[in-house]
C-alpha atoms as a PDB file:
ATOM      1  CA  UNK A   1      21.281  -0.765  16.668  1.00  0.00           C
ATOM      2  CA  UNK A   2      18.021  -2.748  17.561  1.00  0.00           C
ATOM      3  CA  UNK A   3      16.983  -4.893  14.294  1.00  0.00           C
ATOM      4  CA  UNK A   4      13.817  -5.878  13.193  1.00  0.00           C
ATOM      5  CA  UNK A   5      13.832  -9.043  11.408  1.00  0.00           C
ATOM      6  CA  UNK A   6      10.510 -10.904  11.349  1.00  0.00           C
ATOM      7  CA  UNK A   7       7.260  -9.705  10.361  1.00  0.00           C
ATOM      8  CA  UNK A   8       3.949 -11.253  12.033  1.00  0.00           C
ATOM      9  CA  UNK A   9       1.291 -10.781   9.351  1.00  0.00           C
ATOM     10  CA  UNK A  10      -2.045  -9.039  10.215  1.00  0.00           C
ATOM     11  CA  UNK A  11      -2.089  -8.801  14.062  1.00  0.00           C
ATOM     12  CA  UNK A  12      -5.637  -8.544  13.831  1.00  0.00           C
ATOM     13  CA  UNK A  13      -6.327 -12.092  14.350  1.00  0.00           C
ATOM     14  CA  UNK A  14      -3.617 -13.024  16.788  1.00  0.00           C
ATOM     15  CA  UNK A  15      -4.329 -10.468  19.555  1.00  0.00           C
ATOM     16  CA  UNK A  16      -0.495  -9.638  20.184  1.00  0.00           C
ATOM     17  CA  UNK A  17       0.007  -6.109  21.779  1.00  0.00           C
ATOM     18  CA  UNK A  18       2.487  -3.802  20.006  1.00  0.00           C
ATOM     19  CA  UNK A  19       4.668  -1.432  22.163  1.00  0.00           C
ATOM     20  CA  UNK A  20       4.716   1.148  19.652  1.00  0.00           C
ATOM     21  CA  UNK A  21       3.665   1.773  15.931  1.00  0.00           C
ATOM     22  CA  UNK A  22       5.210   3.145  12.396  1.00  0.00           C
ATOM     23  CA  UNK A  23       3.340   4.893   9.954  1.00  0.00           C
ATOM     24  CA  UNK A  24       4.289   4.298   6.299  1.00  0.00           C
ATOM     25  CA  UNK A  25       3.240   5.360   3.026  1.00  0.00           C
ATOM     26  CA  UNK A  26       2.476   2.478   0.326  1.00  0.00           C
ATOM     27  CA  UNK A  27       6.002   2.949  -1.078  1.00  0.00           C
ATOM     28  CA  UNK A  28       7.701   2.883   2.205  1.00  0.00           C
ATOM     29  CA  UNK A  29       5.916  -0.493   3.116  1.00  0.00           C
ATOM     30  CA  UNK A  30       7.679  -2.485   0.639  1.00  0.00           C
ATOM     31  CA  UNK A  31      11.127  -2.739   1.996  1.00  0.00           C
ATOM     32  CA  UNK A  32      14.035  -5.056   3.074  1.00  0.00           C
ATOM     33  CA  UNK A  33      16.499  -3.251   4.900  1.00  0.00           C
ATOM     34  CA  UNK A  34      16.289   0.194   5.922  1.00  0.00           C
ATOM     35  CA  UNK A  35      16.674   2.415   9.271  1.00  0.00           C
ATOM     36  CA  UNK A  36      13.122   3.294  10.435  1.00  0.00           C
ATOM     37  CA  UNK A  37      11.807   5.488  13.167  1.00  0.00           C
ATOM     38  CA  UNK A  38       8.736   4.543  14.986  1.00  0.00           C
ATOM     39  CA  UNK A  39       5.752   6.829  15.660  1.00  0.00           C
ATOM     40  CA  UNK A  40       7.186   7.474  19.230  1.00  0.00           C
ATOM     41  CA  UNK A  41      10.643   8.334  17.857  1.00  0.00           C
ATOM     42  CA  UNK A  42      12.686   5.262  18.270  1.00  0.00           C
ATOM     43  CA  UNK A  43      15.041   4.009  15.631  1.00  0.00           C
ATOM     44  CA  UNK A  44      15.637   0.462  14.551  1.00  0.00           C
ATOM     45  CA  UNK A  45      16.964  -1.419  11.531  1.00  0.00           C
ATOM     46  CA  UNK A  46      14.548  -3.235   9.501  1.00  0.00           C
ATOM     47  CA  UNK A  47      16.593  -6.241   8.323  1.00  0.00           C
ATOM     48  CA  UNK A  48      14.607  -8.896   6.521  1.00  0.00           C
ATOM     49  CA  UNK A  49      15.727 -11.856   4.501  1.00  0.00           C
ATOM     50  CA  UNK A  50      13.760 -10.618   1.490  1.00  0.00           C
ATOM     51  CA  UNK A  51      11.966  -7.321   0.169  1.00  0.00           C
ATOM     52  CA  UNK A  52       8.463  -7.825   1.899  1.00  0.00           C
ATOM     53  CA  UNK A  53       5.115  -6.058   1.484  1.00  0.00           C
ATOM     54  CA  UNK A  54       4.348  -4.552   5.103  1.00  0.00           C
ATOM     55  CA  UNK A  55       0.457  -4.303   5.230  1.00  0.00           C
ATOM     56  CA  UNK A  56      -1.387  -2.345   7.640  1.00  0.00           C
ATOM     57  CA  UNK A  57      -1.949  -4.406  10.965  1.00  0.00           C
ATOM     58  CA  UNK A  58       1.455  -6.477  10.434  1.00  0.00           C
ATOM     59  CA  UNK A  59       3.783  -6.397  13.133  1.00  0.00           C
ATOM     60  CA  UNK A  60       7.584  -6.023  13.072  1.00  0.00           C
ATOM     61  CA  UNK A  61       9.375  -8.249  15.880  1.00  0.00           C
ATOM     62  CA  UNK A  62      12.465  -6.421  17.047  1.00  0.00           C
ATOM     63  CA  UNK A  63      15.297  -8.485  18.492  1.00  0.00           C
ATOM     64  CA  UNK A  64      14.729  -6.775  21.869  1.00  0.00           C
ATOM     65  CA  UNK A  65      11.183  -8.513  21.883  1.00  0.00           C
ATOM     66  CA  UNK A  66       9.163  -5.423  21.116  1.00  0.00           C
ATOM     67  CA  UNK A  67       6.402  -5.469  18.561  1.00  0.00           C
ATOM     68  CA  UNK A  68       6.011  -2.442  16.254  1.00  0.00           C
ATOM     69  CA  UNK A  69       2.697  -2.216  14.524  1.00  0.00           C
ATOM     70  CA  UNK A  70       2.593  -1.240  10.801  1.00  0.00           C
ATOM     71  CA  UNK A  71       0.100   1.491  10.059  1.00  0.00           C
ATOM     72  CA  UNK A  72      -0.661   2.638   6.216  1.00  0.00           C
ATOM     73  CA  UNK A  73      -0.342   6.569   6.066  1.00  0.00           C
ATOM     74  CA  UNK A  74      -3.086   8.836   4.395  1.00  0.00           C
ATOM     75  CA  UNK A  75      -1.941   9.728   0.923  1.00  0.00           C
ATOM     76  CA  UNK A  76      -3.280  11.938  -1.669  1.00  0.00           C
ATOM     77  CA  UNK A  77      -5.227   9.874  -4.104  1.00  0.00           C
ATOM     78  CA  UNK A  78      -7.942  10.058  -6.337  1.00  0.00           C
ATOM     79  CA  UNK A  79     -11.068   8.003  -6.703  1.00  0.00           C
ATOM     80  CA  UNK A  80     -12.806   7.351  -9.899  1.00  0.00           C
ATOM     81  CA  UNK A  81     -16.475   6.213  -9.714  1.00  0.00           C
ATOM     82  CA  UNK A  82     -19.253   5.215 -12.244  1.00  0.00           C
ATOM     83  CA  UNK A  83     -22.739   3.581 -11.852  1.00  0.00           C
ATOM     84  CA  UNK A  84     -21.787   1.999 -15.253  1.00  0.00           C
ATOM     85  CA  UNK A  85     -19.799  -1.325 -14.674  1.00  0.00           C
ATOM     86  CA  UNK A  86     -18.271  -1.192 -18.394  1.00  0.00           C
ATOM     87  CA  UNK A  87     -17.162   2.267 -17.908  1.00  0.00           C
ATOM     88  CA  UNK A  88     -15.215   0.866 -14.728  1.00  0.00           C
ATOM     89  CA  UNK A  89     -13.894  -1.924 -16.798  1.00  0.00           C
ATOM     90  CA  UNK A  90     -12.349   0.089 -19.435  1.00  0.00           C
ATOM     91  CA  UNK A  91     -11.033   2.426 -17.040  1.00  0.00           C
ATOM     92  CA  UNK A  92      -9.370  -0.553 -15.351  1.00  0.00           C
ATOM     93  CA  UNK A  93      -7.977  -1.744 -18.601  1.00  0.00           C
ATOM     94  CA  UNK A  94      -6.443   1.902 -19.273  1.00  0.00           C
ATOM     95  CA  UNK A  95      -5.007   2.065 -15.919  1.00  0.00           C
ATOM     96  CA  UNK A  96      -3.591  -1.504 -16.141  1.00  0.00           C
ATOM     97  CA  UNK A  97      -2.239  -0.686 -19.495  1.00  0.00           C
ATOM     98  CA  UNK A  98      -0.075   2.023 -18.112  1.00  0.00           C
ATOM     99  CA  UNK A  99       1.111  -0.341 -15.233  1.00  0.00           C
ATOM    100  CA  UNK A 100      -0.403   1.934 -12.666  1.00  0.00           C
ATOM    101  CA  UNK A 101      -1.008   0.446  -8.917  1.00  0.00           C
ATOM    102  CA  UNK A 102      -4.813   0.481  -8.481  1.00  0.00           C
ATOM    103  CA  UNK A 103      -7.221  -0.363  -5.635  1.00  0.00           C
ATOM    104  CA  UNK A 104     -10.205  -1.832  -7.083  1.00  0.00           C
ATOM    105  CA  UNK A 105     -13.625  -1.825  -5.430  1.00  0.00           C
ATOM    106  CA  UNK A 106     -17.130  -2.305  -6.487  1.00  0.00           C
ATOM    107  CA  UNK A 107     -17.855   0.598  -8.873  1.00  0.00           C
ATOM    108  CA  UNK A 108     -14.668   2.631  -8.002  1.00  0.00           C
ATOM    109  CA  UNK A 109     -10.873   2.748  -8.720  1.00  0.00           C
ATOM    110  CA  UNK A 110      -8.545   4.359  -6.296  1.00  0.00           C
ATOM    111  CA  UNK A 111      -5.133   5.349  -7.404  1.00  0.00           C
ATOM    112  CA  UNK A 112      -2.373   7.870  -6.592  1.00  0.00           C
ATOM    113  CA  UNK A 113      -3.316  11.335  -7.890  1.00  0.00           C
ATOM    114  CA  UNK A 114      -1.916  12.396 -11.427  1.00  0.00           C
ATOM    115  CA  UNK A 115      -3.434  15.218 -13.031  1.00  0.00           C
ATOM    116  CA  UNK A 116      -2.957  13.508 -16.429  1.00  0.00           C
ATOM    117  CA  UNK A 117      -4.449  10.451 -15.435  1.00  0.00           C
ATOM    118  CA  UNK A 118      -7.194  12.222 -13.820  1.00  0.00           C
ATOM    119  CA  UNK A 119      -7.830  14.011 -17.051  1.00  0.00           C
ATOM    120  CA  UNK A 120      -7.830  10.821 -19.093  1.00  0.00           C
ATOM    121  CA  UNK A 121     -10.588   9.126 -16.619  1.00  0.00           C
ATOM    122  CA  UNK A 122     -12.776  12.038 -16.772  1.00  0.00           C
ATOM    123  CA  UNK A 123     -12.431  12.081 -20.610  1.00  0.00           C
ATOM    124  CA  UNK A 124     -13.716   8.364 -20.412  1.00  0.00           C
ATOM    125  CA  UNK A 125     -16.713   9.680 -18.396  1.00  0.00           C
ATOM    126  CA  UNK A 126     -15.953   8.893 -14.890  1.00  0.00           C
ATOM    127  CA  UNK A 127     -16.503  10.854 -11.779  1.00  0.00           C
ATOM    128  CA  UNK A 128     -13.134  11.958 -10.319  1.00  0.00           C
ATOM    129  CA  UNK A 129     -12.598  13.211  -6.541  1.00  0.00           C
ATOM    130  CA  UNK A 130      -9.224  13.897  -4.765  1.00  0.00           C
ATOM    131  CA  UNK A 131      -9.228  11.879  -1.542  1.00  0.00           C
ATOM    132  CA  UNK A 132      -6.597  11.443   1.385  1.00  0.00           C
ATOM    133  CA  UNK A 133      -6.472   7.897   2.815  1.00  0.00           C
ATOM    134  CA  UNK A 134      -4.317   4.962   3.037  1.00  0.00           C
ATOM    135  CA  UNK A 135      -3.513   3.311  -0.224  1.00  0.00           C
ATOM    136  CA  UNK A 136      -3.684  -0.440  -0.543  1.00  0.00           C
ATOM    137  CA  UNK A 137      -3.598  -1.401  -4.365  1.00  0.00           C
ATOM    138  CA  UNK A 138      -4.096  -4.855  -5.824  1.00  0.00           C
ATOM    139  CA  UNK A 139      -0.878  -6.922  -5.687  1.00  0.00           C
ATOM    140  CA  UNK A 140       0.613  -8.592  -8.675  1.00  0.00           C
ATOM    141  CA  UNK A 141      -0.945 -11.518 -10.217  1.00  0.00           C
ATOM    142  CA  UNK A 142       2.532 -13.337 -10.666  1.00  0.00           C
ATOM    143  CA  UNK A 143       4.522 -12.582  -7.304  1.00  0.00           C
ATOM    144  CA  UNK A 144       3.685 -13.201  -3.821  1.00  0.00           C
ATOM    145  CA  UNK A 145       3.237  -9.463  -3.359  1.00  0.00           C
ATOM    146  CA  UNK A 146       3.376  -6.192  -5.241  1.00  0.00           C
ATOM    147  CA  UNK A 147       4.567  -6.040  -9.162  1.00  0.00           C
ATOM    148  CA  UNK A 148       4.231  -2.934 -10.783  1.00  0.00           C
ATOM    149  CA  UNK A 149       5.723  -4.291 -14.258  1.00  0.00           C
ATOM    150  CA  UNK A 150       6.867  -7.320 -15.898  1.00  0.00           C
ATOM    151  CA  UNK A 151       9.283  -8.690 -18.554  1.00  0.00           C
ATOM    152  CA  UNK A 152       7.942  -8.816 -22.022  1.00  0.00           C
END
């Protein structure tokens, strides 16, 4: 089986031409070794030295020389907004206290859809909307990629 054992970060800057793409959810973009299928239907074995965060725009280099572009899949998410910066900060604290992955933007927080968390954020006074888009949350403060928990 053809192997992909190198990731070229963020193809936007280097201008390489991919021959195919692979569209992956947030969970599927954190891998080390797994059989994957490209958007055109070709299989390959992702075989990296360590578990790696695959970001949208990265390229996976196959041992046959082909390049596969990583694309982030749209997912069911929720967007919490407010014009009150203190309310956004309080919500971010509650989300972090629950070790939930969260994409932080000016005046909005984006996280995976969860009806319980949605109700909590509404009760805090935020405006909530269910959306579908790629999920790109903050990485971990203590790692070189994502961390969703830590040792106490």
